[in-house]
Amino acid sequence: MRARILDLIRRATGTTSLTRQIESLDARLTALAAALPAAPPPPAPGLTAADRDAILHQINYTNHNLYLHLKEAMRVRELANRDLLLAIDRLAHLLPSTPMLFEAERPVAVDTDDHVFPWGAAQDNTRSPRFVAACERHFPGRALTFMDLGCSGGGLVLDFILRGHAGYGVEGSDAPLRAQRAEWRVLRNNLFTGDITRPFTLRPAAGAAPVACDVISAWEVMEHIADADLPGLFANLHAHLAPDGLFIGSIALGPDDNPVTGARYHRTVQPQGWWEARFAELGLPMLPQHDFAFEDFCRGTSNGPIDENYRSNPHIGFHFVARRA
């Protein structure tokens, strides 16, 4: 695990000084670990229980320092990447500059734990150029319009825009907007906040029809919605899906609670069969067959060091592709 963390840090930053600090910490950790007796620890002459506790404390402290170095390295790398993208945009006008009109009955999902105690909104930023390519294969020969619900950092929206498509994201919490984290710094005309269970409309101008999306996605979002609020969410899907549009995403099957804050993030914990019936009831049945490969999906595919794998652990969650009947 330590080697994996070090590898991530080395790839995240090229700073020589930071690399030297990391290597020094790693060497110190290795030496301390070597001094720790194997479990169960046999009585060792000269090594008291207090000594062992001190060693364990130092190992935990060093591990925590490694984690902080990784977090800071990734933060600096993220800022540098956005700085570069903004600089390129000033020269080449790469990013969309036309404002869209987004109107939401509730601009922020203020009564949800995802807003009060933001977790995913404060740290996630899923990217998947492979998913964009899979959508292009499904809708060949045309520019796509994409919307990501529960978009967090807006990474998928950026992936579609960089391929020449129209991309938009809606996030229930304003935490990433206030922090100007991830893509909120650069996609000022494409990321919006709003409660997706209450009516919202995205249109190019006042009086125009709502945007018709070829693909709307929601990655590990549906379980955050209470069952009573699902009809409102699906009404928004129907209002913004093109006639042949697809609703694609993933659903986690287990609870997600924070015992420290008392936050309960997953409001609807149900088996896959329940979700299939609910989608059909709300007018967007899940397709039993489709042309997306397992690896094409953005979450639940080991897409990143902390992403779960639904193939290896099917009890954790599943993917879906849905379309109007």
C-alpha atoms as a PDB file:
ATOM      1  CA  MET A   1       0.000   0.000   0.000  1.00  0.00           C
ATOM      2  CA  ARG A   2       2.856   2.358   0.893  1.00  0.00           C
ATOM      3  CA  ALA A   3       4.533   1.717  -2.460  1.00  0.00           C
ATOM      4  CA  ARG A   4       1.274   2.452  -4.253  1.00  0.00           C
ATOM      5  CA  ILE A   5       0.886   5.780  -2.441  1.00  0.00           C
ATOM      6  CA  LEU A   6       4.468   6.715  -3.297  1.00  0.00           C
ATOM      7  CA  ASP A   7       3.930   5.838  -6.934  1.00  0.00           C
ATOM      8  CA  LEU A   8       0.810   8.018  -7.075  1.00  0.00           C
ATOM      9  CA  ILE A   9       2.720  10.942  -5.537  1.00  0.00           C
ATOM     10  CA  ARG A  10       5.649  10.555  -7.932  1.00  0.00           C
ATOM     11  CA  ARG A  11       3.277  10.583 -10.878  1.00  0.00           C
ATOM     12  CA  ALA A  12       1.326  13.528  -9.489  1.00  0.00           C
ATOM     13  CA  THR A  13       4.310  15.850  -9.074  1.00  0.00           C
ATOM     14  CA  GLY A  14       7.740  16.238 -10.508  1.00  0.00           C
ATOM     15  CA  THR A  15       9.115  18.337  -7.671  1.00  0.00           C
ATOM     16  CA  THR A  16      12.502  17.060  -6.566  1.00  0.00           C
ATOM     17  CA  SER A  17      12.209  18.430  -3.040  1.00  0.00           C
ATOM     18  CA  LEU A  18       8.861  16.762  -2.434  1.00  0.00           C
ATOM     19  CA  THR A  19      10.156  13.475  -3.840  1.00  0.00           C
ATOM     20  CA  ARG A  20      13.134  13.601  -1.449  1.00  0.00           C
ATOM     21  CA  GLN A  21      10.824  14.248   1.510  1.00  0.00           C
ATOM     22  CA  ILE A  22       8.660  11.321   0.519  1.00  0.00           C
ATOM     23  CA  GLU A  23      11.634   8.997   0.149  1.00  0.00           C
ATOM     24  CA  SER A  24      12.936  10.121   3.553  1.00  0.00           C
ATOM     25  CA  LEU A  25       9.566   9.418   5.156  1.00  0.00           C
ATOM     26  CA  ASP A  26       9.404   6.042   3.439  1.00  0.00           C
ATOM     27  CA  ALA A  27      12.852   5.076   4.698  1.00  0.00           C
ATOM     28  CA  ARG A  28      11.917   6.121   8.209  1.00  0.00           C
ATOM     29  CA  LEU A  29       8.707   4.104   8.045  1.00  0.00           C
ATOM     30  CA  THR A  30      10.590   1.027   6.815  1.00  0.00           C
ATOM     31  CA  ALA A  31      13.087   1.273   9.660  1.00  0.00           C
ATOM     32  CA  LEU A  32      10.350   1.650  12.236  1.00  0.00           C
ATOM     33  CA  ALA A  33       8.390  -1.258  10.808  1.00  0.00           C
ATOM     34  CA  ALA A  34      11.500  -3.458  10.972  1.00  0.00           C
ATOM     35  CA  ALA A  35      11.855  -2.660  14.676  1.00  0.00           C
ATOM     36  CA  LEU A  36       8.280  -3.691  15.395  1.00  0.00           C
ATOM     37  CA  PRO A  37       7.960  -7.312  16.578  1.00  0.00           C
ATOM     38  CA  ALA A  38       5.721  -9.636  14.612  1.00  0.00           C
ATOM     39  CA  ALA A  39       2.193 -10.297  15.860  1.00  0.00           C
ATOM     40  CA  PRO A  40       1.604 -11.766  18.304  1.00  0.00           C
ATOM     41  CA  PRO A  41       4.649  -9.979  19.708  1.00  0.00           C
ATOM     42  CA  PRO A  42       6.849 -12.283  21.785  1.00  0.00           C
ATOM     43  CA  PRO A  43       8.366 -10.809  24.939  1.00  0.00           C
ATOM     44  CA  ALA A  44      11.492  -9.058  23.713  1.00  0.00           C
ATOM     45  CA  PRO A  45      14.311  -8.175  26.077  1.00  0.00           C
ATOM     46  CA  GLY A  46      14.594  -4.437  26.344  1.00  0.00           C
ATOM     47  CA  LEU A  47      11.376  -3.744  24.370  1.00  0.00           C
ATOM     48  CA  THR A  48       8.549  -2.769  26.677  1.00  0.00           C
ATOM     49  CA  ALA A  49       4.869  -2.312  25.895  1.00  0.00           C
ATOM     50  CA  ALA A  50       5.464   1.432  25.984  1.00  0.00           C
ATOM     51  CA  ASP A  51       8.216   1.022  23.367  1.00  0.00           C
ATOM     52  CA  ARG A  52       5.879  -0.889  21.082  1.00  0.00           C
ATOM     53  CA  ASP A  53       3.158   1.733  21.524  1.00  0.00           C
ATOM     54  CA  ALA A  54       5.634   4.477  20.664  1.00  0.00           C
ATOM     55  CA  ILE A  55       6.700   2.636  17.490  1.00  0.00           C
ATOM     56  CA  LEU A  56       3.107   2.091  16.431  1.00  0.00           C
ATOM     57  CA  HIS A  57       2.352   5.759  17.068  1.00  0.00           C
ATOM     58  CA  GLN A  58       5.308   6.789  14.923  1.00  0.00           C
ATOM     59  CA  ILE A  59       4.245   4.469  12.090  1.00  0.00           C
ATOM     60  CA  ASN A  60       0.721   5.888  12.157  1.00  0.00           C
ATOM     61  CA  TYR A  61       2.121   9.401  12.217  1.00  0.00           C
ATOM     62  CA  THR A  62       4.367   8.680   9.236  1.00  0.00           C
ATOM     63  CA  ASN A  63       1.522   7.079   7.293  1.00  0.00           C
ATOM     64  CA  HIS A  64      -0.599  10.153   7.960  1.00  0.00           C
ATOM     65  CA  ASN A  65       2.213  12.371   6.683  1.00  0.00           C
ATOM     66  CA  LEU A  66       2.408  10.295   3.501  1.00  0.00           C
ATOM     67  CA  TYR A  67      -1.334  10.761   3.029  1.00  0.00           C
ATOM     68  CA  LEU A  68      -1.041  14.530   3.519  1.00  0.00           C
ATOM     69  CA  HIS A  69       1.806  14.699   1.003  1.00  0.00           C
ATOM     70  CA  LEU A  70      -0.302  12.796  -1.513  1.00  0.00           C
ATOM     71  CA  LYS A  71      -3.288  15.080  -0.943  1.00  0.00           C
ATOM     72  CA  GLU A  72      -1.194  18.221  -1.333  1.00  0.00           C
ATOM     73  CA  ALA A  73       0.570  16.871  -4.427  1.00  0.00           C
ATOM     74  CA  MET A  74      -2.758  16.112  -6.091  1.00  0.00           C
ATOM     75  CA  ARG A  75      -4.128  19.532  -5.122  1.00  0.00           C
ATOM     76  CA  VAL A  76      -1.138  21.340  -6.620  1.00  0.00           C
ATOM     77  CA  ARG A  77      -1.285  19.166  -9.746  1.00  0.00           C
ATOM     78  CA  GLU A  78      -5.007  19.913 -10.169  1.00  0.00           C
ATOM     79  CA  LEU A  79      -4.463  23.653  -9.854  1.00  0.00           C
ATOM     80  CA  ALA A  80      -1.586  23.552 -12.348  1.00  0.00           C
ATOM     81  CA  ASN A  81      -3.686  21.619 -14.863  1.00  0.00           C
ATOM     82  CA  ARG A  82      -6.540  24.142 -14.640  1.00  0.00           C
ATOM     83  CA  ASP A  83      -4.083  27.050 -14.898  1.00  0.00           C
ATOM     84  CA  LEU A  84      -2.719  25.557 -18.108  1.00  0.00           C
ATOM     85  CA  LEU A  85      -6.186  24.950 -19.539  1.00  0.00           C
ATOM     86  CA  LEU A  86      -7.242  28.519 -18.797  1.00  0.00           C
ATOM     87  CA  ALA A  87      -4.083  29.851 -20.433  1.00  0.00           C
ATOM     88  CA  ILE A  88      -4.703  27.756 -23.554  1.00  0.00           C
ATOM     89  CA  ASP A  89      -8.331  28.907 -23.662  1.00  0.00           C
ATOM     90  CA  ARG A  90      -7.287  32.556 -23.669  1.00  0.00           C
ATOM     91  CA  LEU A  91      -5.206  31.880 -26.775  1.00  0.00           C
ATOM     92  CA  ALA A  92      -7.321  29.321 -28.626  1.00  0.00           C
ATOM     93  CA  HIS A  93     -10.853  29.877 -27.231  1.00  0.00           C
ATOM     94  CA  LEU A  94     -11.103  26.179 -26.509  1.00  0.00           C
ATOM     95  CA  LEU A  95     -13.872  26.308 -23.889  1.00  0.00           C
ATOM     96  CA  PRO A  96     -17.533  27.261 -24.432  1.00  0.00           C
ATOM     97  CA  SER A  97     -18.182  30.972 -23.994  1.00  0.00           C
ATOM     98  CA  THR A  98     -21.924  31.179 -24.722  1.00  0.00           C
ATOM     99  CA  PRO A  99     -23.963  31.424 -21.511  1.00  0.00           C
ATOM    100  CA  MET A 100     -26.887  29.034 -21.089  1.00  0.00           C
ATOM    101  CA  LEU A 101     -30.048  29.811 -19.168  1.00  0.00           C
ATOM    102  CA  PHE A 102     -30.465  27.443 -16.214  1.00  0.00           C
ATOM    103  CA  GLU A 103     -33.543  27.864 -14.046  1.00  0.00           C
ATOM    104  CA  ALA A 104     -34.130  25.698 -10.975  1.00  0.00           C
ATOM    105  CA  GLU A 105     -37.037  25.756  -8.547  1.00  0.00           C
ATOM    106  CA  ARG A 106     -34.515  25.053  -5.796  1.00  0.00           C
ATOM    107  CA  PRO A 107     -31.002  26.307  -6.675  1.00  0.00           C
ATOM    108  CA  VAL A 108     -29.377  24.115  -3.989  1.00  0.00           C
ATOM    109  CA  ALA A 109     -30.556  20.889  -2.352  1.00  0.00           C
ATOM    110  CA  VAL A 110     -30.271  22.581   1.026  1.00  0.00           C
ATOM    111  CA  ASP A 111     -32.082  19.922   3.060  1.00  0.00           C
ATOM    112  CA  THR A 112     -29.853  17.003   2.026  1.00  0.00           C
ATOM    113  CA  ASP A 113     -26.871  15.577   3.888  1.00  0.00           C
ATOM    114  CA  ASP A 114     -24.944  15.717   0.600  1.00  0.00           C
ATOM    115  CA  HIS A 115     -25.095  19.506   0.891  1.00  0.00           C
ATOM    116  CA  VAL A 116     -24.926  19.903   4.673  1.00  0.00           C
ATOM    117  CA  PHE A 117     -22.018  17.438   4.977  1.00  0.00           C
ATOM    118  CA  PRO A 118     -20.604  17.359   1.415  1.00  0.00           C
ATOM    119  CA  TRP A 119     -18.452  14.354   0.634  1.00  0.00           C
ATOM    120  CA  GLY A 120     -18.638  13.399  -3.038  1.00  0.00           C
ATOM    121  CA  ALA A 121     -19.288  17.010  -4.038  1.00  0.00           C
ATOM    122  CA  ALA A 122     -16.175  18.052  -2.128  1.00  0.00           C
ATOM    123  CA  GLN A 123     -13.742  15.525  -3.576  1.00  0.00           C
ATOM    124  CA  ASP A 124     -14.988  13.562  -6.631  1.00  0.00           C
ATOM    125  CA  ASN A 125     -14.123  14.486 -10.204  1.00  0.00           C
ATOM    126  CA  THR A 126     -14.735  11.464 -12.411  1.00  0.00           C
ATOM    127  CA  ARG A 127     -13.068  11.505 -15.844  1.00  0.00           C
ATOM    128  CA  SER A 128     -13.663   8.979 -18.612  1.00  0.00           C
ATOM    129  CA  PRO A 129     -12.691   9.696 -22.238  1.00  0.00           C
ATOM    130  CA  ARG A 130     -13.528   6.040 -22.882  1.00  0.00           C
ATOM    131  CA  PHE A 131     -17.176   6.682 -21.976  1.00  0.00           C
ATOM    132  CA  VAL A 132     -17.268   9.608 -24.411  1.00  0.00           C
ATOM    133  CA  ALA A 133     -15.917   7.362 -27.167  1.00  0.00           C
ATOM    134  CA  ALA A 134     -18.555   4.713 -26.384  1.00  0.00           C
ATOM    135  CA  CYS A 135     -21.320   7.334 -26.683  1.00  0.00           C
ATOM    136  CA  GLU A 136     -19.840   8.483 -29.997  1.00  0.00           C
ATOM    137  CA  ARG A 137     -20.004   4.918 -31.297  1.00  0.00           C
ATOM    138  CA  HIS A 138     -23.633   4.616 -30.228  1.00  0.00           C
ATOM    139  CA  PHE A 139     -24.541   7.921 -31.945  1.00  0.00           C
ATOM    140  CA  PRO A 140     -22.137   7.944 -34.918  1.00  0.00           C
ATOM    141  CA  GLY A 141     -21.519  10.939 -37.130  1.00  0.00           C
ATOM    142  CA  ARG A 142     -23.051  13.668 -34.996  1.00  0.00           C
ATOM    143  CA  ALA A 143     -22.128  16.110 -32.275  1.00  0.00           C
ATOM    144  CA  LEU A 144     -23.637  15.047 -28.966  1.00  0.00           C
ATOM    145  CA  THR A 145     -25.379  16.909 -26.181  1.00  0.00           C
ATOM    146  CA  PHE A 146     -24.534  15.501 -22.758  1.00  0.00           C
ATOM    147  CA  MET A 147     -25.727  16.234 -19.225  1.00  0.00           C
ATOM    148  CA  ASP A 148     -24.312  14.796 -15.991  1.00  0.00           C
ATOM    149  CA  LEU A 149     -26.552  14.846 -12.918  1.00  0.00           C
ATOM    150  CA  GLY A 150     -24.710  14.966  -9.603  1.00  0.00           C
ATOM    151  CA  CYS A 151     -21.685  16.132 -11.581  1.00  0.00           C
ATOM    152  CA  SER A 152     -19.463  16.991  -8.570  1.00  0.00           C
ATOM    153  CA  GLY A 153     -16.225  18.359 -10.084  1.00  0.00           C
ATOM    154  CA  GLY A 154     -17.563  18.361 -13.659  1.00  0.00           C
ATOM    155  CA  GLY A 155     -14.854  16.107 -15.116  1.00  0.00           C
ATOM    156  CA  LEU A 156     -17.161  14.192 -17.465  1.00  0.00           C
ATOM    157  CA  VAL A 157     -18.579  17.445 -18.807  1.00  0.00           C
ATOM    158  CA  LEU A 158     -15.040  18.541 -19.655  1.00  0.00           C
ATOM    159  CA  ASP A 159     -14.361  15.200 -21.391  1.00  0.00           C
ATOM    160  CA  PHE A 160     -17.321  15.734 -23.739  1.00  0.00           C
ATOM    161  CA  ILE A 161     -16.407  19.355 -24.427  1.00  0.00           C
ATOM    162  CA  LEU A 162     -12.805  18.468 -25.261  1.00  0.00           C
ATOM    163  CA  ARG A 163     -14.153  16.068 -27.921  1.00  0.00           C
ATOM    164  CA  GLY A 164     -16.199  18.858 -29.521  1.00  0.00           C
ATOM    165  CA  HIS A 165     -19.578  18.025 -27.967  1.00  0.00           C
ATOM    166  CA  ALA A 166     -21.939  20.123 -25.840  1.00  0.00           C
ATOM    167  CA  GLY A 167     -21.669  19.179 -22.170  1.00  0.00           C
ATOM    168  CA  TYR A 168     -23.494  20.367 -19.056  1.00  0.00           C
ATOM    169  CA  GLY A 169     -23.513  19.365 -15.399  1.00  0.00           C
ATOM    170  CA  VAL A 170     -25.928  19.874 -12.517  1.00  0.00           C
ATOM    171  CA  GLU A 171     -24.805  19.450  -8.892  1.00  0.00           C
ATOM    172  CA  GLY A 172     -27.125  19.546  -5.884  1.00  0.00           C
ATOM    173  CA  SER A 173     -24.544  21.060  -3.529  1.00  0.00           C
ATOM    174  CA  ASP A 174     -22.849  24.394  -4.128  1.00  0.00           C
ATOM    175  CA  ALA A 175     -19.689  23.189  -2.338  1.00  0.00           C
ATOM    176  CA  PRO A 176     -17.620  22.767  -5.546  1.00  0.00           C
ATOM    177  CA  LEU A 177     -18.865  26.112  -6.907  1.00  0.00           C
ATOM    178  CA  ARG A 178     -17.903  27.966  -3.724  1.00  0.00           C
ATOM    179  CA  ALA A 179     -14.528  26.216  -3.567  1.00  0.00           C
ATOM    180  CA  GLN A 180     -13.956  26.721  -7.317  1.00  0.00           C
ATOM    181  CA  ARG A 181     -12.600  23.199  -7.358  1.00  0.00           C
ATOM    182  CA  ALA A 182     -11.923  20.935 -10.321  1.00  0.00           C
ATOM    183  CA  GLU A 183     -13.668  22.103 -13.515  1.00  0.00           C
ATOM    184  CA  TRP A 184     -15.834  24.795 -11.895  1.00  0.00           C
ATOM    185  CA  ARG A 185     -12.955  27.210 -12.460  1.00  0.00           C
ATOM    186  CA  VAL A 186     -12.921  26.648 -16.207  1.00  0.00           C
ATOM    187  CA  LEU A 187     -16.472  25.628 -17.228  1.00  0.00           C
ATOM    188  CA  ARG A 188     -18.271  28.697 -15.963  1.00  0.00           C
ATOM    189  CA  ASN A 189     -21.031  28.455 -18.601  1.00  0.00           C
ATOM    190  CA  ASN A 190     -21.614  24.712 -18.355  1.00  0.00           C
ATOM    191  CA  LEU A 191     -21.858  23.731 -14.675  1.00  0.00           C
ATOM    192  CA  PHE A 192     -24.886  24.630 -12.556  1.00  0.00           C
ATOM    193  CA  THR A 193     -26.267  24.005  -9.090  1.00  0.00           C
ATOM    194  CA  GLY A 194     -29.807  22.814  -8.483  1.00  0.00           C
ATOM    195  CA  ASP A 195     -31.914  20.230  -6.700  1.00  0.00           C
ATOM    196  CA  ILE A 196     -32.417  17.605  -9.426  1.00  0.00           C
ATOM    197  CA  THR A 197     -35.565  16.277  -7.724  1.00  0.00           C
ATOM    198  CA  ARG A 198     -37.330  19.645  -8.216  1.00  0.00           C
ATOM    199  CA  PRO A 199     -38.189  21.137 -11.623  1.00  0.00           C
ATOM    200  CA  PHE A 200     -35.279  22.663 -13.513  1.00  0.00           C
ATOM    201  CA  THR A 201     -34.811  23.766 -17.105  1.00  0.00           C
ATOM    202  CA  LEU A 202     -31.671  24.226 -19.185  1.00  0.00           C
ATOM    203  CA  ARG A 203     -32.225  26.203 -22.382  1.00  0.00           C
ATOM    204  CA  PRO A 204     -30.108  28.360 -24.696  1.00  0.00           C
ATOM    205  CA  ALA A 205     -32.250  31.460 -24.109  1.00  0.00           C
ATOM    206  CA  ALA A 206     -35.485  32.631 -22.526  1.00  0.00           C
ATOM    207  CA  GLY A 207     -38.470  31.213 -24.363  1.00  0.00           C
ATOM    208  CA  ALA A 208     -36.434  28.520 -26.124  1.00  0.00           C
ATOM    209  CA  ALA A 209     -37.167  24.819 -25.760  1.00  0.00           C
ATOM    210  CA  PRO A 210     -35.188  22.881 -23.138  1.00  0.00           C
ATOM    211  CA  VAL A 211     -31.933  21.340 -24.278  1.00  0.00           C
ATOM    212  CA  ALA A 212     -32.503  17.853 -25.747  1.00  0.00           C
ATOM    213  CA  CYS A 213     -29.729  15.552 -24.549  1.00  0.00           C
ATOM    214  CA  ASP A 214     -28.480  12.481 -26.361  1.00  0.00           C
ATOM    215  CA  VAL A 215     -27.041  11.178 -23.100  1.00  0.00           C
ATOM    216  CA  ILE A 216     -27.851  12.021 -19.494  1.00  0.00           C
ATOM    217  CA  SER A 217     -25.767  10.268 -16.858  1.00  0.00           C
ATOM    218  CA  ALA A 218     -25.941   9.808 -13.090  1.00  0.00           C
ATOM    219  CA  TRP A 219     -23.047   7.920 -11.491  1.00  0.00           C
ATOM    220  CA  GLU A 220     -23.857   6.622  -8.012  1.00  0.00           C
ATOM    221  CA  VAL A 221     -26.486   9.324  -7.624  1.00  0.00           C
ATOM    222  CA  MET A 222     -29.845   7.537  -7.672  1.00  0.00           C
ATOM    223  CA  GLU A 223     -29.383   5.931  -4.248  1.00  0.00           C
ATOM    224  CA  HIS A 224     -28.941   9.432  -2.790  1.00  0.00           C
ATOM    225  CA  ILE A 225     -32.539  10.259  -3.779  1.00  0.00           C
ATOM    226  CA  ALA A 226     -35.464   9.338  -1.519  1.00  0.00           C
ATOM    227  CA  ASP A 227     -38.031   7.132  -3.226  1.00  0.00           C
ATOM    228  CA  ALA A 228     -40.711   9.820  -2.871  1.00  0.00           C
ATOM    229  CA  ASP A 229     -38.479  12.242  -4.815  1.00  0.00           C
ATOM    230  CA  LEU A 230     -37.723   9.910  -7.735  1.00  0.00           C
ATOM    231  CA  PRO A 231     -40.776  11.006  -9.817  1.00  0.00           C
ATOM    232  CA  GLY A 232     -39.515  14.593  -9.732  1.00  0.00           C
ATOM    233  CA  LEU A 233     -36.079  13.505 -10.930  1.00  0.00           C
ATOM    234  CA  PHE A 234     -37.560  11.421 -13.749  1.00  0.00           C
ATOM    235  CA  ALA A 235     -39.759  14.348 -14.818  1.00  0.00           C
ATOM    236  CA  ASN A 236     -36.551  16.342 -15.362  1.00  0.00           C
ATOM    237  CA  LEU A 237     -35.068  13.431 -17.314  1.00  0.00           C
ATOM    238  CA  HIS A 238     -38.083  13.248 -19.616  1.00  0.00           C
ATOM    239  CA  ALA A 239     -37.961  17.026 -20.133  1.00  0.00           C
ATOM    240  CA  HIS A 240     -34.304  16.985 -21.231  1.00  0.00           C
ATOM    241  CA  LEU A 241     -33.840  13.669 -23.057  1.00  0.00           C
ATOM    242  CA  ALA A 242     -33.940  13.586 -26.851  1.00  0.00           C
ATOM    243  CA  PRO A 243     -36.480  11.104 -28.290  1.00  0.00           C
ATOM    244  CA  ASP A 244     -33.725   8.507 -28.795  1.00  0.00           C
ATOM    245  CA  GLY A 245     -31.674   9.688 -25.819  1.00  0.00           C
ATOM    246  CA  LEU A 246     -30.143   7.384 -23.225  1.00  0.00           C
ATOM    247  CA  PHE A 247     -30.046   7.626 -19.441  1.00  0.00           C
ATOM    248  CA  ILE A 248     -26.854   5.886 -18.278  1.00  0.00           C
ATOM    249  CA  GLY A 249     -25.258   5.450 -14.879  1.00  0.00           C
ATOM    250  CA  SER A 250     -24.561   3.325 -11.848  1.00  0.00           C
ATOM    251  CA  ILE A 251     -26.356   2.619  -8.601  1.00  0.00           C
ATOM    252  CA  ALA A 252     -24.771   1.605  -5.300  1.00  0.00           C
ATOM    253  CA  LEU A 253     -26.660  -1.091  -3.403  1.00  0.00           C
ATOM    254  CA  GLY A 254     -25.471  -0.567   0.168  1.00  0.00           C
ATOM    255  CA  PRO A 255     -25.802   2.112   2.849  1.00  0.00           C
ATOM    256  CA  ASP A 256     -23.367   5.001   3.217  1.00  0.00           C
ATOM    257  CA  ASP A 257     -23.515   6.649   6.641  1.00  0.00           C
ATOM    258  CA  ASN A 258     -21.088   8.835   8.556  1.00  0.00           C
ATOM    259  CA  PRO A 259     -21.234   7.953  12.277  1.00  0.00           C
ATOM    260  CA  VAL A 260     -19.300  11.089  13.211  1.00  0.00           C
ATOM    261  CA  THR A 261     -21.588  13.658  11.564  1.00  0.00           C
ATOM    262  CA  GLY A 262     -24.705  11.480  11.495  1.00  0.00           C
ATOM    263  CA  ALA A 263     -25.003  12.012   7.740  1.00  0.00           C
ATOM    264  CA  ARG A 264     -26.985   9.415   5.816  1.00  0.00           C
ATOM    265  CA  TYR A 265     -26.041   9.753   2.170  1.00  0.00           C
ATOM    266  CA  HIS A 266     -27.895   6.810   0.620  1.00  0.00           C
ATOM    267  CA  ARG A 267     -31.605   7.469   1.068  1.00  0.00           C
ATOM    268  CA  THR A 268     -32.858   4.569  -1.067  1.00  0.00           C
ATOM    269  CA  VAL A 269     -31.083   1.249  -0.502  1.00  0.00           C
ATOM    270  CA  GLN A 270     -32.817  -1.379  -2.620  1.00  0.00           C
ATOM    271  CA  PRO A 271     -31.789  -4.446  -4.690  1.00  0.00           C
ATOM    272  CA  GLN A 272     -31.268  -4.228  -8.436  1.00  0.00           C
ATOM    273  CA  GLY A 273     -34.669  -5.782  -9.226  1.00  0.00           C
ATOM    274  CA  TRP A 274     -36.430  -3.031  -7.282  1.00  0.00           C
ATOM    275  CA  TRP A 275     -34.617  -0.354  -9.280  1.00  0.00           C
ATOM    276  CA  GLU A 276     -35.442  -2.045 -12.574  1.00  0.00           C
ATOM    277  CA  ALA A 277     -39.154  -2.063 -11.711  1.00  0.00           C
ATOM    278  CA  ARG A 278     -39.037   1.565 -10.491  1.00  0.00           C
ATOM    279  CA  PHE A 279     -37.338   2.793 -13.684  1.00  0.00           C
ATOM    280  CA  ALA A 280     -39.975   1.027 -15.811  1.00  0.00           C
ATOM    281  CA  GLU A 281     -42.770   2.477 -13.680  1.00  0.00           C
ATOM    282  CA  LEU A 282     -41.358   5.981 -14.198  1.00  0.00           C
ATOM    283  CA  GLY A 283     -41.118   5.596 -17.979  1.00  0.00           C
ATOM    284  CA  LEU A 284     -37.431   4.823 -18.552  1.00  0.00           C
ATOM    285  CA  PRO A 285     -37.008   1.039 -18.493  1.00  0.00           C
ATOM    286  CA  MET A 286     -33.485  -0.352 -18.240  1.00  0.00           C
ATOM    287  CA  LEU A 287     -32.342  -2.092 -21.415  1.00  0.00           C
ATOM    288  CA  PRO A 288     -31.569  -5.804 -20.965  1.00  0.00           C
ATOM    289  CA  GLN A 289     -29.044  -5.521 -23.819  1.00  0.00           C
ATOM    290  CA  HIS A 290     -27.005  -2.579 -25.058  1.00  0.00           C
ATOM    291  CA  ASP A 291     -23.731  -1.851 -26.863  1.00  0.00           C
ATOM    292  CA  PHE A 292     -21.768  -0.499 -23.885  1.00  0.00           C
ATOM    293  CA  ALA A 293     -18.968  -2.709 -22.544  1.00  0.00           C
ATOM    294  CA  PHE A 294     -18.401  -3.019 -18.797  1.00  0.00           C
ATOM    295  CA  GLU A 295     -15.224  -0.922 -19.009  1.00  0.00           C
ATOM    296  CA  ASP A 296     -17.051   1.867 -20.863  1.00  0.00           C
ATOM    297  CA  PHE A 297     -18.879   2.896 -17.686  1.00  0.00           C
ATOM    298  CA  CYS A 298     -17.424   5.692 -15.567  1.00  0.00           C
ATOM    299  CA  ARG A 299     -17.801   4.289 -12.053  1.00  0.00           C
ATOM    300  CA  GLY A 300     -17.759   0.798 -10.579  1.00  0.00           C
ATOM    301  CA  THR A 301     -15.062  -0.257 -13.053  1.00  0.00           C
ATOM    302  CA  SER A 302     -11.871   0.440 -11.060  1.00  0.00           C
ATOM    303  CA  ASN A 303     -11.707   3.780 -12.862  1.00  0.00           C
ATOM    304  CA  GLY A 304      -9.117   5.249 -10.519  1.00  0.00           C
ATOM    305  CA  PRO A 305      -7.376   4.092  -7.345  1.00  0.00           C
ATOM    306  CA  ILE A 306     -10.451   4.359  -5.073  1.00  0.00           C
ATOM    307  CA  ASP A 307     -13.192   3.279  -7.483  1.00  0.00           C
ATOM    308  CA  GLU A 308     -14.929  -0.011  -6.699  1.00  0.00           C
ATOM    309  CA  ASN A 309     -15.379  -2.803  -9.240  1.00  0.00           C
ATOM    310  CA  TYR A 310     -18.921  -4.098  -9.709  1.00  0.00           C
ATOM    311  CA  ARG A 311     -17.750  -7.080 -11.709  1.00  0.00           C
ATOM    312  CA  SER A 312     -15.596  -8.327  -8.851  1.00  0.00           C
ATOM    313  CA  ASN A 313     -18.107  -7.234  -6.203  1.00  0.00           C
ATOM    314  CA  PRO A 314     -21.615  -7.341  -7.741  1.00  0.00           C
ATOM    315  CA  HIS A 315     -23.216  -6.865  -4.326  1.00  0.00           C
ATOM    316  CA  ILE A 316     -21.813  -3.318  -4.209  1.00  0.00           C
ATOM    317  CA  GLY A 317     -23.620  -1.900  -7.238  1.00  0.00           C
ATOM    318  CA  PHE A 318     -24.582  -2.192 -10.895  1.00  0.00           C
ATOM    319  CA  HIS A 319     -24.674  -0.207 -14.149  1.00  0.00           C
ATOM    320  CA  PHE A 320     -27.716   0.652 -16.216  1.00  0.00           C
ATOM    321  CA  VAL A 321     -28.637   1.949 -19.652  1.00  0.00           C
ATOM    322  CA  ALA A 322     -32.244   3.174 -19.875  1.00  0.00           C
ATOM    323  CA  ARG A 323     -34.424   4.577 -22.624  1.00  0.00           C
ATOM    324  CA  ARG A 324     -38.043   5.524 -23.151  1.00  0.00           C
ATOM    325  CA  ALA A 325     -40.250   2.505 -23.864  1.00  0.00           C
END
